[in-house]
Amino acid sequence: MPELSFSSRLSRTCLQAGALFLLALPPIAALAVTGPENGQPAIVSGPGRVVDGDTLDVGQTRVRLEGIDAPELTQTCQTATGAMWECGKAAAAMLRKLVEHKEIACDRTGTDRYHRTLATCFVDGIDIEDAMVRAGLAWAFVKYSTTYVDVEAQARLEKIGVWQGQAQAPWDYRRNEWQVAEIAAPKGCAIKGNVSSRGRIYHMPWGTWYDKVRMDGGHGKRWFCSEEEATAAGWRPASTN
């Protein structure tokens, strides 16, 4: 699919999703508020900055969108004719169109194992997760939530976004990338811990910079077996932008 054609379609999809949900959903001020967790506010609000297709920074808080899983930035999918397109970057672009230069309100639901805030987020009355799944640029993350299963079913029926051709679920993509990387990694610990002028940063096998990081053993570089191990040692995740 030509890039210009896809970009135009992405823009139209975003606008259509926004129009539908602006009417269907209550204003942000009327959203149900969950109880604060460990003294943290129930509602996180502020300007948004996109990290990838299902993660964004709201003010100073990193938020993982609850109930959806978008393709990784390095992930590609197929069109109906079998041509490859960068579905991971398209998902991030869609999220950017939804939230850029706008105030976001997120209803906190918990914290994931990477210490990110889990939340359902809204912008201009639009359920962001719902809009992403409806545009065919995220999966319903059924391992943790069935909230968006019906929305995904409709996107499948319309064959839009990732449903226009062959596409691998992001959780399968991450597992396969890990399995490939751990073959070459010592003791199967496939996370690369790099040290640079920007600090100590770790890279996942599906990350944008993973293949560019050379693990020569010098300058304090090291391998990690899990993200928990990396963060406990003082490394931070690589930026995906």
C-alpha atoms as a PDB file:
ATOM      1  CA  MET A   1       0.000   0.000   0.000  1.00  0.00           C
ATOM      2  CA  PRO A   2       1.519   3.382  -0.942  1.00  0.00           C
ATOM      3  CA  GLU A   3       2.576   5.459   2.051  1.00  0.00           C
ATOM      4  CA  LEU A   4       0.540   8.512   0.997  1.00  0.00           C
ATOM      5  CA  SER A   5      -2.615   6.462   0.635  1.00  0.00           C
ATOM      6  CA  PHE A   6      -2.171   4.855   4.038  1.00  0.00           C
ATOM      7  CA  SER A   7      -1.407   8.182   5.735  1.00  0.00           C
ATOM      8  CA  SER A   8      -4.557   9.721   4.289  1.00  0.00           C
ATOM      9  CA  ARG A   9      -6.618   6.754   5.391  1.00  0.00           C
ATOM     10  CA  LEU A  10      -5.078   6.874   8.862  1.00  0.00           C
ATOM     11  CA  SER A  11      -5.993  10.535   9.224  1.00  0.00           C
ATOM     12  CA  ARG A  12      -9.585   9.878   8.130  1.00  0.00           C
ATOM     13  CA  THR A  13      -9.881   6.918  10.515  1.00  0.00           C
ATOM     14  CA  CYS A  14      -8.638   8.996  13.413  1.00  0.00           C
ATOM     15  CA  LEU A  15     -11.141  11.764  12.727  1.00  0.00           C
ATOM     16  CA  GLN A  16     -13.994   9.290  12.314  1.00  0.00           C
ATOM     17  CA  ALA A  17     -13.119   7.547  15.587  1.00  0.00           C
ATOM     18  CA  GLY A  18     -13.019  10.889  17.363  1.00  0.00           C
ATOM     19  CA  ALA A  19     -16.393  11.980  16.004  1.00  0.00           C
ATOM     20  CA  LEU A  20     -18.085   8.736  17.016  1.00  0.00           C
ATOM     21  CA  PHE A  21     -16.825   8.636  20.572  1.00  0.00           C
ATOM     22  CA  LEU A  22     -17.137  12.312  21.304  1.00  0.00           C
ATOM     23  CA  LEU A  23     -20.903  11.785  21.118  1.00  0.00           C
ATOM     24  CA  ALA A  24     -20.968   8.357  22.726  1.00  0.00           C
ATOM     25  CA  LEU A  25     -18.901   8.953  25.849  1.00  0.00           C
ATOM     26  CA  PRO A  26     -19.409  11.183  28.903  1.00  0.00           C
ATOM     27  CA  PRO A  27     -17.235  14.263  29.381  1.00  0.00           C
ATOM     28  CA  ILE A  28     -13.980  13.731  31.246  1.00  0.00           C
ATOM     29  CA  ALA A  29     -15.262  15.462  34.349  1.00  0.00           C
ATOM     30  CA  ALA A  30     -18.072  12.887  34.646  1.00  0.00           C
ATOM     31  CA  LEU A  31     -15.868   9.789  34.431  1.00  0.00           C
ATOM     32  CA  ALA A  32     -16.015   7.236  37.225  1.00  0.00           C
ATOM     33  CA  VAL A  33     -13.048   7.651  39.551  1.00  0.00           C
ATOM     34  CA  THR A  34     -11.292   4.681  41.054  1.00  0.00           C
ATOM     35  CA  GLY A  35      -9.698   4.852  44.470  1.00  0.00           C
ATOM     36  CA  PRO A  36      -6.127   6.137  44.717  1.00  0.00           C
ATOM     37  CA  GLU A  37      -3.432   3.487  44.838  1.00  0.00           C
ATOM     38  CA  ASN A  38      -0.712   3.940  47.487  1.00  0.00           C
ATOM     39  CA  GLY A  39      -1.669   7.576  47.865  1.00  0.00           C
ATOM     40  CA  GLN A  40      -1.451   8.277  44.130  1.00  0.00           C
ATOM     41  CA  PRO A  41      -4.201  10.347  42.476  1.00  0.00           C
ATOM     42  CA  ALA A  42      -7.045   8.393  40.875  1.00  0.00           C
ATOM     43  CA  ILE A  43      -6.990  10.631  37.805  1.00  0.00           C
ATOM     44  CA  VAL A  44      -3.748  11.431  35.983  1.00  0.00           C
ATOM     45  CA  SER A  45      -4.024  14.443  33.719  1.00  0.00           C
ATOM     46  CA  GLY A  46      -1.779  16.666  31.666  1.00  0.00           C
ATOM     47  CA  PRO A  47      -0.296  17.075  28.210  1.00  0.00           C
ATOM     48  CA  GLY A  48       0.525  13.834  26.434  1.00  0.00           C
ATOM     49  CA  ARG A  49       3.659  12.628  24.677  1.00  0.00           C
ATOM     50  CA  VAL A  50       3.532   9.391  22.707  1.00  0.00           C
ATOM     51  CA  VAL A  51       6.063   6.671  23.488  1.00  0.00           C
ATOM     52  CA  ASP A  52       4.638   4.001  21.182  1.00  0.00           C
ATOM     53  CA  GLY A  53       1.252   2.728  20.062  1.00  0.00           C
ATOM     54  CA  ASP A  54       0.005   1.842  23.556  1.00  0.00           C
ATOM     55  CA  THR A  55       2.186   3.913  25.889  1.00  0.00           C
ATOM     56  CA  LEU A  56       2.387   7.628  26.543  1.00  0.00           C
ATOM     57  CA  ASP A  57       3.707  10.088  29.076  1.00  0.00           C
ATOM     58  CA  VAL A  58       0.960  12.150  30.677  1.00  0.00           C
ATOM     59  CA  GLY A  59       2.750  15.003  32.348  1.00  0.00           C
ATOM     60  CA  GLN A  60       5.481  13.261  34.322  1.00  0.00           C
ATOM     61  CA  THR A  61       3.671   9.899  34.498  1.00  0.00           C
ATOM     62  CA  ARG A  62       4.318   7.034  32.108  1.00  0.00           C
ATOM     63  CA  VAL A  63       0.989   5.424  31.267  1.00  0.00           C
ATOM     64  CA  ARG A  64       0.386   2.020  29.694  1.00  0.00           C
ATOM     65  CA  LEU A  65      -3.033   2.050  28.053  1.00  0.00           C
ATOM     66  CA  GLU A  66      -5.232  -0.533  29.760  1.00  0.00           C
ATOM     67  CA  GLY A  67      -6.776  -3.404  27.796  1.00  0.00           C
ATOM     68  CA  ILE A  68      -5.011  -3.005  24.443  1.00  0.00           C
ATOM     69  CA  ASP A  69      -1.735  -4.089  22.854  1.00  0.00           C
ATOM     70  CA  ALA A  70      -0.422  -2.219  19.812  1.00  0.00           C
ATOM     71  CA  PRO A  71       2.199  -3.532  17.374  1.00  0.00           C
ATOM     72  CA  GLU A  72       5.783  -2.781  18.382  1.00  0.00           C
ATOM     73  CA  LEU A  73       7.528   0.060  16.567  1.00  0.00           C
ATOM     74  CA  THR A  74       9.759  -2.406  14.708  1.00  0.00           C
ATOM     75  CA  GLN A  75       6.834  -4.582  13.665  1.00  0.00           C
ATOM     76  CA  THR A  76       5.516  -4.870  10.108  1.00  0.00           C
ATOM     77  CA  CYS A  77       2.226  -6.266   8.799  1.00  0.00           C
ATOM     78  CA  GLN A  78       0.828  -7.194   5.394  1.00  0.00           C
ATOM     79  CA  THR A  79      -1.752  -5.514   3.206  1.00  0.00           C
ATOM     80  CA  ALA A  80      -4.449  -7.497   1.424  1.00  0.00           C
ATOM     81  CA  THR A  81      -2.083  -7.899  -1.543  1.00  0.00           C
ATOM     82  CA  GLY A  82       0.797  -9.119   0.632  1.00  0.00           C
ATOM     83  CA  ALA A  83       2.814  -5.886   0.595  1.00  0.00           C
ATOM     84  CA  MET A  84       4.562  -5.007   3.852  1.00  0.00           C
ATOM     85  CA  TRP A  85       3.775  -1.850   5.808  1.00  0.00           C
ATOM     86  CA  GLU A  86       5.097  -0.495   9.100  1.00  0.00           C
ATOM     87  CA  CYS A  87       2.096  -1.147  11.319  1.00  0.00           C
ATOM     88  CA  GLY A  88       4.044  -0.407  14.516  1.00  0.00           C
ATOM     89  CA  LYS A  89       4.976   3.092  13.384  1.00  0.00           C
ATOM     90  CA  ALA A  90       1.448   3.603  12.038  1.00  0.00           C
ATOM     91  CA  ALA A  91      -0.012   2.780  15.473  1.00  0.00           C
ATOM     92  CA  ALA A  92       2.263   5.343  17.136  1.00  0.00           C
ATOM     93  CA  ALA A  93       1.274   7.894  14.471  1.00  0.00           C
ATOM     94  CA  MET A  94      -2.411   7.245  15.132  1.00  0.00           C
ATOM     95  CA  LEU A  95      -1.959   7.735  18.867  1.00  0.00           C
ATOM     96  CA  ARG A  96      -0.003  10.922  18.191  1.00  0.00           C
ATOM     97  CA  LYS A  97      -2.873  12.286  16.077  1.00  0.00           C
ATOM     98  CA  LEU A  98      -5.281  11.596  18.924  1.00  0.00           C
ATOM     99  CA  VAL A  99      -3.311  13.182  21.778  1.00  0.00           C
ATOM    100  CA  GLU A 100      -0.793  15.660  20.376  1.00  0.00           C
ATOM    101  CA  HIS A 101      -1.082  19.181  21.873  1.00  0.00           C
ATOM    102  CA  LYS A 102      -4.102  18.135  23.943  1.00  0.00           C
ATOM    103  CA  GLU A 103      -4.919  17.676  27.605  1.00  0.00           C
ATOM    104  CA  ILE A 104      -5.365  13.998  28.518  1.00  0.00           C
ATOM    105  CA  ALA A 105      -7.214  12.532  31.502  1.00  0.00           C
ATOM    106  CA  CYS A 106      -6.459   8.953  32.541  1.00  0.00           C
ATOM    107  CA  ASP A 107      -8.474   6.894  35.002  1.00  0.00           C
ATOM    108  CA  ARG A 108      -5.816   4.978  36.934  1.00  0.00           C
ATOM    109  CA  THR A 109      -6.537   1.247  37.310  1.00  0.00           C
ATOM    110  CA  GLY A 110      -3.237   0.028  38.750  1.00  0.00           C
ATOM    111  CA  THR A 111       0.467  -0.414  38.091  1.00  0.00           C
ATOM    112  CA  ASP A 112       2.131  -2.996  35.884  1.00  0.00           C
ATOM    113  CA  ARG A 113       5.277  -4.973  36.723  1.00  0.00           C
ATOM    114  CA  TYR A 114       7.425  -2.343  34.994  1.00  0.00           C
ATOM    115  CA  HIS A 115       6.072   0.321  37.379  1.00  0.00           C
ATOM    116  CA  ARG A 116       4.061   2.049  34.669  1.00  0.00           C
ATOM    117  CA  THR A 117       0.630   3.404  35.519  1.00  0.00           C
ATOM    118  CA  LEU A 118      -2.164   1.351  33.969  1.00  0.00           C
ATOM    119  CA  ALA A 119      -5.079   3.533  32.969  1.00  0.00           C
ATOM    120  CA  THR A 120      -7.981   4.118  30.632  1.00  0.00           C
ATOM    121  CA  CYS A 121      -7.344   7.459  28.965  1.00  0.00           C
ATOM    122  CA  PHE A 122      -9.588  10.061  27.369  1.00  0.00           C
ATOM    123  CA  VAL A 123      -9.003  13.098  25.203  1.00  0.00           C
ATOM    124  CA  ASP A 124     -11.855  15.427  24.204  1.00  0.00           C
ATOM    125  CA  GLY A 125     -14.275  12.798  25.551  1.00  0.00           C
ATOM    126  CA  ILE A 126     -12.809  10.043  23.340  1.00  0.00           C
ATOM    127  CA  ASP A 127     -11.791   6.691  24.811  1.00  0.00           C
ATOM    128  CA  ILE A 128      -8.266   6.471  23.377  1.00  0.00           C
ATOM    129  CA  GLU A 129      -7.954   2.695  23.706  1.00  0.00           C
ATOM    130  CA  ASP A 130     -11.297   2.178  21.973  1.00  0.00           C
ATOM    131  CA  ALA A 131     -10.275   4.493  19.126  1.00  0.00           C
ATOM    132  CA  MET A 132      -6.980   2.624  18.605  1.00  0.00           C
ATOM    133  CA  VAL A 133      -8.673  -0.784  18.415  1.00  0.00           C
ATOM    134  CA  ARG A 134     -11.493   0.562  16.233  1.00  0.00           C
ATOM    135  CA  ALA A 135      -8.925   1.889  13.743  1.00  0.00           C
ATOM    136  CA  GLY A 136      -7.373  -1.590  13.502  1.00  0.00           C
ATOM    137  CA  LEU A 137      -4.109  -0.388  15.032  1.00  0.00           C
ATOM    138  CA  ALA A 138      -4.251  -2.277  18.329  1.00  0.00           C
ATOM    139  CA  TRP A 139      -5.456  -5.629  19.590  1.00  0.00           C
ATOM    140  CA  ALA A 140      -7.769  -6.228  22.513  1.00  0.00           C
ATOM    141  CA  PHE A 141      -5.299  -7.452  25.138  1.00  0.00           C
ATOM    142  CA  VAL A 142      -7.463 -10.390  26.165  1.00  0.00           C
ATOM    143  CA  LYS A 143      -4.850 -11.784  28.564  1.00  0.00           C
ATOM    144  CA  TYR A 144      -5.699  -8.898  30.882  1.00  0.00           C
ATOM    145  CA  SER A 145      -9.029  -7.465  29.697  1.00  0.00           C
ATOM    146  CA  THR A 146     -11.990  -8.262  27.446  1.00  0.00           C
ATOM    147  CA  THR A 147     -13.216  -4.654  27.324  1.00  0.00           C
ATOM    148  CA  TYR A 148     -12.370  -4.105  23.657  1.00  0.00           C
ATOM    149  CA  VAL A 149     -13.106  -7.560  22.225  1.00  0.00           C
ATOM    150  CA  ASP A 150     -16.285  -6.453  20.447  1.00  0.00           C
ATOM    151  CA  VAL A 151     -14.548  -3.380  19.023  1.00  0.00           C
ATOM    152  CA  GLU A 152     -11.763  -5.590  17.666  1.00  0.00           C
ATOM    153  CA  ALA A 153     -14.328  -7.910  16.112  1.00  0.00           C
ATOM    154  CA  GLN A 154     -15.795  -4.979  14.178  1.00  0.00           C
ATOM    155  CA  ALA A 155     -12.361  -3.861  12.964  1.00  0.00           C
ATOM    156  CA  ARG A 156     -11.692  -7.425  11.803  1.00  0.00           C
ATOM    157  CA  LEU A 157     -15.000  -7.450   9.945  1.00  0.00           C
ATOM    158  CA  GLU A 158     -14.147  -4.190   8.192  1.00  0.00           C
ATOM    159  CA  LYS A 159     -10.615  -5.451   7.422  1.00  0.00           C
ATOM    160  CA  ILE A 160      -8.955  -2.204   8.405  1.00  0.00           C
ATOM    161  CA  GLY A 161      -5.505  -1.566   9.842  1.00  0.00           C
ATOM    162  CA  VAL A 162      -3.746  -4.773  10.834  1.00  0.00           C
ATOM    163  CA  TRP A 163      -6.779  -6.817   9.749  1.00  0.00           C
ATOM    164  CA  GLN A 164      -6.398  -6.045   6.031  1.00  0.00           C
ATOM    165  CA  GLY A 165      -3.844  -8.858   5.672  1.00  0.00           C
ATOM    166  CA  GLN A 166      -1.556 -11.115   7.703  1.00  0.00           C
ATOM    167  CA  ALA A 167      -0.456  -9.657  11.042  1.00  0.00           C
ATOM    168  CA  GLN A 168       1.201 -11.157  14.099  1.00  0.00           C
ATOM    169  CA  ALA A 169      -0.202 -10.319  17.510  1.00  0.00           C
ATOM    170  CA  PRO A 170       2.338  -8.144  19.354  1.00  0.00           C
ATOM    171  CA  TRP A 171       2.685 -10.601  22.245  1.00  0.00           C
ATOM    172  CA  ASP A 172       3.664 -13.317  19.731  1.00  0.00           C
ATOM    173  CA  TYR A 173       6.023 -10.910  17.981  1.00  0.00           C
ATOM    174  CA  ARG A 174       7.786 -10.082  21.260  1.00  0.00           C
ATOM    175  CA  ARG A 175       8.076 -13.762  22.197  1.00  0.00           C
ATOM    176  CA  ASN A 176       9.557 -14.675  18.816  1.00  0.00           C
ATOM    177  CA  GLU A 177      12.025 -11.781  18.891  1.00  0.00           C
ATOM    178  CA  TRP A 178      13.146 -12.872  22.353  1.00  0.00           C
ATOM    179  CA  GLN A 179      13.603 -16.480  21.251  1.00  0.00           C
ATOM    180  CA  VAL A 180      15.800 -15.391  18.340  1.00  0.00           C
ATOM    181  CA  ALA A 181      17.860 -13.025  20.502  1.00  0.00           C
ATOM    182  CA  GLU A 182      18.422 -15.436  23.378  1.00  0.00           C
ATOM    183  CA  ILE A 183      20.217 -17.887  21.082  1.00  0.00           C
ATOM    184  CA  ALA A 184      23.114 -15.432  20.740  1.00  0.00           C
ATOM    185  CA  ALA A 185      22.861 -14.014  24.266  1.00  0.00           C
ATOM    186  CA  PRO A 186      24.893 -15.424  27.180  1.00  0.00           C
ATOM    187  CA  LYS A 187      22.788 -17.791  29.288  1.00  0.00           C
ATOM    188  CA  GLY A 188      19.742 -16.756  27.275  1.00  0.00           C
ATOM    189  CA  CYS A 189      19.662 -13.333  28.936  1.00  0.00           C
ATOM    190  CA  ALA A 190      18.741 -11.303  25.870  1.00  0.00           C
ATOM    191  CA  ILE A 191      18.317  -7.767  27.247  1.00  0.00           C
ATOM    192  CA  LYS A 192      21.221  -5.471  26.327  1.00  0.00           C
ATOM    193  CA  GLY A 193      22.378  -3.055  29.009  1.00  0.00           C
ATOM    194  CA  ASN A 194      24.239  -0.221  27.325  1.00  0.00           C
ATOM    195  CA  VAL A 195      26.202   2.661  28.872  1.00  0.00           C
ATOM    196  CA  SER A 196      26.418   5.905  26.953  1.00  0.00           C
ATOM    197  CA  SER A 197      26.530   9.656  27.455  1.00  0.00           C
ATOM    198  CA  ARG A 198      22.786   9.456  28.129  1.00  0.00           C
ATOM    199  CA  GLY A 199      23.249   7.045  31.013  1.00  0.00           C
ATOM    200  CA  ARG A 200      22.617   3.370  31.611  1.00  0.00           C
ATOM    201  CA  ILE A 201      19.938   2.193  29.214  1.00  0.00           C
ATOM    202  CA  TYR A 202      18.583  -1.278  28.483  1.00  0.00           C
ATOM    203  CA  HIS A 203      17.238  -2.475  25.142  1.00  0.00           C
ATOM    204  CA  MET A 204      14.657  -5.198  24.514  1.00  0.00           C
ATOM    205  CA  PRO A 205      15.083  -7.584  21.524  1.00  0.00           C
ATOM    206  CA  TRP A 206      12.173  -5.921  19.692  1.00  0.00           C
ATOM    207  CA  GLY A 207      13.447  -2.410  20.380  1.00  0.00           C
ATOM    208  CA  THR A 208      14.384   0.073  17.666  1.00  0.00           C
ATOM    209  CA  TRP A 209      18.055   0.263  18.717  1.00  0.00           C
ATOM    210  CA  TYR A 210      18.615  -3.336  19.797  1.00  0.00           C
ATOM    211  CA  ASP A 211      20.597  -4.510  16.759  1.00  0.00           C
ATOM    212  CA  LYS A 212      22.715  -1.343  16.783  1.00  0.00           C
ATOM    213  CA  VAL A 213      24.004  -1.878  20.327  1.00  0.00           C
ATOM    214  CA  ARG A 214      27.296  -3.802  20.263  1.00  0.00           C
ATOM    215  CA  MET A 215      27.934  -5.784  23.420  1.00  0.00           C
ATOM    216  CA  ASP A 216      31.741  -5.751  23.463  1.00  0.00           C
ATOM    217  CA  GLY A 217      31.903  -6.127  27.232  1.00  0.00           C
ATOM    218  CA  GLY A 218      33.501  -2.748  27.774  1.00  0.00           C
ATOM    219  CA  HIS A 219      32.314   0.469  29.407  1.00  0.00           C
ATOM    220  CA  GLY A 220      30.124  -1.323  31.938  1.00  0.00           C
ATOM    221  CA  LYS A 221      27.829  -2.948  29.398  1.00  0.00           C
ATOM    222  CA  ARG A 222      26.012  -6.054  30.603  1.00  0.00           C
ATOM    223  CA  TRP A 223      23.250  -8.518  29.747  1.00  0.00           C
ATOM    224  CA  PHE A 224      20.037  -8.892  31.734  1.00  0.00           C
ATOM    225  CA  CYS A 225      17.547 -11.729  31.937  1.00  0.00           C
ATOM    226  CA  SER A 226      14.531  -9.561  32.786  1.00  0.00           C
ATOM    227  CA  GLU A 227      13.426  -5.952  32.885  1.00  0.00           C
ATOM    228  CA  GLU A 228      13.022  -6.215  36.647  1.00  0.00           C
ATOM    229  CA  GLU A 229      16.683  -7.189  36.925  1.00  0.00           C
ATOM    230  CA  ALA A 230      17.731  -4.292  34.686  1.00  0.00           C
ATOM    231  CA  THR A 231      15.755  -1.652  36.573  1.00  0.00           C
ATOM    232  CA  ALA A 232      16.924  -3.002  39.944  1.00  0.00           C
ATOM    233  CA  ALA A 233      20.527  -2.594  38.743  1.00  0.00           C
ATOM    234  CA  GLY A 234      19.892   1.040  37.848  1.00  0.00           C
ATOM    235  CA  TRP A 235      19.276   0.815  34.108  1.00  0.00           C
ATOM    236  CA  ARG A 236      16.318   2.572  32.476  1.00  0.00           C
ATOM    237  CA  PRO A 237      14.369   1.497  29.362  1.00  0.00           C
ATOM    238  CA  ALA A 238      15.409   2.890  25.991  1.00  0.00           C
ATOM    239  CA  SER A 239      13.308   5.673  24.564  1.00  0.00           C
ATOM    240  CA  THR A 240      11.204   4.455  21.664  1.00  0.00           C
ATOM    241  CA  ASN A 241      10.981   7.850  19.989  1.00  0.00           C
END
